[in-house]
Structures are given as C-alpha cells and as structure tokens.
Amino acid sequence: MEGGNALAQFLPLILIFAIMYFLLIRPQQKKMKEHRAMVEALRKGDRVVTQGGMIGKVTRVQEGELEIEVAQGVKVRVVRHTIAEVRSKTEPAEG
C-alpha cells in the first residue's frame, strides 16, 4: 500500500507542474519564438517601435544592430532585439 500512497502524495505536485507548463512556460516560449522570427525578418524601410518607445524607419540592417531614422536626418543605432513591434513592412525587392 505504500506505493499507492506515495503516488497519491506526488500527484498534486505533478498536476501543478503540468498546469504551470501549459499556462505559463509554453505561451512564453511561443512568444519568444515569434519575436525572434519578427526581428530576423526586419529589413530596410520597415517602420518599427523600440522597447524604449521610439518610432522610426529602418535605414540600415547589420548583423546585430539596426540603424533607425527617427526624424529627418536623425539616425539612431539600436540592438536588433530591442525592437518591440513592426508597424509596417516594406514589400520585398523583386529579382
């Protein structure tokens, strides 16, 4: 009977972990995957919002950073992963 009793003691712990996985961990992983894909798809001409709240147009794309024009003639370099949202995408170049 001790084997059944031990399982009954650990069952609530297992259920709590399963609920946490499906309600917290899995959605967060999905959100991170979507953000990574969005950041990798950035290209010149996209209008973006940074996590700091600056809105601008991507003027240059480099390995780990972007150059964003926030006003006419005012360009700022930001790390790619600080982009929070893409407001409008440019059409892909034909060729």
C-alpha atoms as a PDB file:
ATOM      1  CA  MET A   1       0.000   0.000   0.000  1.00  0.00           C
ATOM      2  CA  GLU A   2       2.925   2.340   0.449  1.00  0.00           C
ATOM      3  CA  GLY A   3       3.487   2.577  -3.346  1.00  0.00           C
ATOM      4  CA  GLY A   4      -0.052   3.858  -3.928  1.00  0.00           C
ATOM      5  CA  ASN A   5       0.241   6.251  -1.009  1.00  0.00           C
ATOM      6  CA  ALA A   6       3.479   7.766  -2.372  1.00  0.00           C
ATOM      7  CA  LEU A   7       1.882   8.289  -5.788  1.00  0.00           C
ATOM      8  CA  ALA A   8      -1.104   9.985  -4.163  1.00  0.00           C
ATOM      9  CA  GLN A   9       1.265  12.366  -2.377  1.00  0.00           C
ATOM     10  CA  PHE A  10       3.140  13.348  -5.569  1.00  0.00           C
ATOM     11  CA  LEU A  11       0.090  13.578  -7.828  1.00  0.00           C
ATOM     12  CA  PRO A  12      -0.848  17.158  -6.793  1.00  0.00           C
ATOM     13  CA  LEU A  13       2.759  18.263  -7.357  1.00  0.00           C
ATOM     14  CA  ILE A  14       2.781  16.715 -10.823  1.00  0.00           C
ATOM     15  CA  LEU A  15      -0.554  18.345 -11.669  1.00  0.00           C
ATOM     16  CA  ILE A  16       0.659  21.754 -10.515  1.00  0.00           C
ATOM     17  CA  PHE A  17       3.765  21.456 -12.699  1.00  0.00           C
ATOM     18  CA  ALA A  18       1.653  20.403 -15.720  1.00  0.00           C
ATOM     19  CA  ILE A  19      -0.715  23.343 -15.230  1.00  0.00           C
ATOM     20  CA  MET A  20       2.202  25.787 -14.876  1.00  0.00           C
ATOM     21  CA  TYR A  21       3.791  24.407 -18.049  1.00  0.00           C
ATOM     22  CA  PHE A  22       0.661  24.846 -20.165  1.00  0.00           C
ATOM     23  CA  LEU A  23      -0.389  28.210 -18.691  1.00  0.00           C
ATOM     24  CA  LEU A  24       2.975  29.949 -18.204  1.00  0.00           C
ATOM     25  CA  ILE A  25       6.020  28.310 -19.752  1.00  0.00           C
ATOM     26  CA  ARG A  26       4.656  27.190 -23.133  1.00  0.00           C
ATOM     27  CA  PRO A  27       2.991  30.516 -24.086  1.00  0.00           C
ATOM     28  CA  GLN A  28       6.149  32.425 -23.104  1.00  0.00           C
ATOM     29  CA  GLN A  29       8.299  30.168 -25.304  1.00  0.00           C
ATOM     30  CA  LYS A  30       5.889  30.692 -28.208  1.00  0.00           C
ATOM     31  CA  LYS A  31       6.021  34.473 -27.730  1.00  0.00           C
ATOM     32  CA  MET A  32       9.836  34.430 -27.684  1.00  0.00           C
ATOM     33  CA  LYS A  33       9.912  32.357 -30.876  1.00  0.00           C
ATOM     34  CA  GLU A  34       7.557  34.806 -32.647  1.00  0.00           C
ATOM     35  CA  HIS A  35       9.664  37.801 -31.511  1.00  0.00           C
ATOM     36  CA  ARG A  36      12.861  36.146 -32.752  1.00  0.00           C
ATOM     37  CA  ALA A  37      11.256  35.495 -36.159  1.00  0.00           C
ATOM     38  CA  MET A  38       9.990  39.098 -36.347  1.00  0.00           C
ATOM     39  CA  VAL A  39      13.442  40.507 -35.548  1.00  0.00           C
ATOM     40  CA  GLU A  40      15.159  38.239 -38.082  1.00  0.00           C
ATOM     41  CA  ALA A  41      12.709  39.349 -40.802  1.00  0.00           C
ATOM     42  CA  LEU A  42      13.459  43.082 -40.384  1.00  0.00           C
ATOM     43  CA  ARG A  43      14.733  44.861 -43.477  1.00  0.00           C
ATOM     44  CA  LYS A  44      15.411  48.345 -44.762  1.00  0.00           C
ATOM     45  CA  GLY A  45      12.292  50.522 -44.984  1.00  0.00           C
ATOM     46  CA  ASP A  46      10.307  48.844 -42.176  1.00  0.00           C
ATOM     47  CA  ARG A  47       8.675  51.174 -39.639  1.00  0.00           C
ATOM     48  CA  VAL A  48       9.406  49.921 -36.122  1.00  0.00           C
ATOM     49  CA  VAL A  49       8.874  50.742 -32.448  1.00  0.00           C
ATOM     50  CA  THR A  50      11.700  50.119 -29.979  1.00  0.00           C
ATOM     51  CA  GLN A  51      11.174  48.935 -26.421  1.00  0.00           C
ATOM     52  CA  GLY A  52      12.094  52.464 -25.345  1.00  0.00           C
ATOM     53  CA  GLY A  53       9.140  53.823 -27.328  1.00  0.00           C
ATOM     54  CA  MET A  54      10.983  55.410 -30.262  1.00  0.00           C
ATOM     55  CA  ILE A  55       9.265  55.082 -33.624  1.00  0.00           C
ATOM     56  CA  GLY A  56      11.382  55.135 -36.744  1.00  0.00           C
ATOM     57  CA  LYS A  57      12.229  53.741 -40.138  1.00  0.00           C
ATOM     58  CA  VAL A  58      14.985  51.161 -40.600  1.00  0.00           C
ATOM     59  CA  THR A  59      17.697  52.633 -42.827  1.00  0.00           C
ATOM     60  CA  ARG A  60      20.421  50.000 -42.417  1.00  0.00           C
ATOM     61  CA  VAL A  61      20.449  46.390 -41.244  1.00  0.00           C
ATOM     62  CA  GLN A  62      23.639  44.900 -39.821  1.00  0.00           C
ATOM     63  CA  GLU A  63      24.477  41.641 -38.036  1.00  0.00           C
ATOM     64  CA  GLY A  64      23.402  42.534 -34.503  1.00  0.00           C
ATOM     65  CA  GLU A  65      22.089  46.067 -34.842  1.00  0.00           C
ATOM     66  CA  LEU A  66      19.889  48.357 -36.883  1.00  0.00           C
ATOM     67  CA  GLU A  67      20.107  51.994 -37.855  1.00  0.00           C
ATOM     68  CA  ILE A  68      16.766  53.744 -37.419  1.00  0.00           C
ATOM     69  CA  GLU A  69      15.837  57.198 -38.691  1.00  0.00           C
ATOM     70  CA  VAL A  70      13.622  58.750 -36.007  1.00  0.00           C
ATOM     71  CA  ALA A  71      13.395  62.193 -37.639  1.00  0.00           C
ATOM     72  CA  GLN A  72      14.662  63.639 -40.884  1.00  0.00           C
ATOM     73  CA  GLY A  73      18.450  63.400 -40.685  1.00  0.00           C
ATOM     74  CA  VAL A  74      18.433  61.933 -37.139  1.00  0.00           C
ATOM     75  CA  LYS A  75      19.632  58.329 -37.115  1.00  0.00           C
ATOM     76  CA  VAL A  76      19.997  56.080 -34.095  1.00  0.00           C
ATOM     77  CA  ARG A  77      21.723  52.702 -33.826  1.00  0.00           C
ATOM     78  CA  VAL A  78      19.856  50.103 -31.774  1.00  0.00           C
ATOM     79  CA  VAL A  79      20.356  46.442 -30.943  1.00  0.00           C
ATOM     80  CA  ARG A  80      18.069  44.241 -33.050  1.00  0.00           C
ATOM     81  CA  HIS A  81      16.362  42.558 -30.103  1.00  0.00           C
ATOM     82  CA  THR A  82      15.195  45.880 -28.633  1.00  0.00           C
ATOM     83  CA  ILE A  83      12.565  46.138 -31.383  1.00  0.00           C
ATOM     84  CA  ALA A  84       9.160  45.681 -29.776  1.00  0.00           C
ATOM     85  CA  GLU A  85       6.871  45.981 -32.791  1.00  0.00           C
ATOM     86  CA  VAL A  86       6.919  46.313 -36.559  1.00  0.00           C
ATOM     87  CA  ARG A  87       4.344  48.912 -37.618  1.00  0.00           C
ATOM     88  CA  SER A  88       4.595  48.447 -41.387  1.00  0.00           C
ATOM     89  CA  LYS A  89       6.595  46.144 -43.585  1.00  0.00           C
ATOM     90  CA  THR A  90       8.127  47.055 -46.916  1.00  0.00           C
ATOM     91  CA  GLU A  91       7.463  44.966 -49.973  1.00  0.00           C
ATOM     92  CA  PRO A  92      10.255  42.507 -50.791  1.00  0.00           C
ATOM     93  CA  ALA A  93      12.511  43.566 -53.636  1.00  0.00           C
ATOM     94  CA  GLU A  94      11.941  41.637 -56.855  1.00  0.00           C
ATOM     95  CA  GLY A  95      14.828  39.942 -58.539  1.00  0.00           C
END
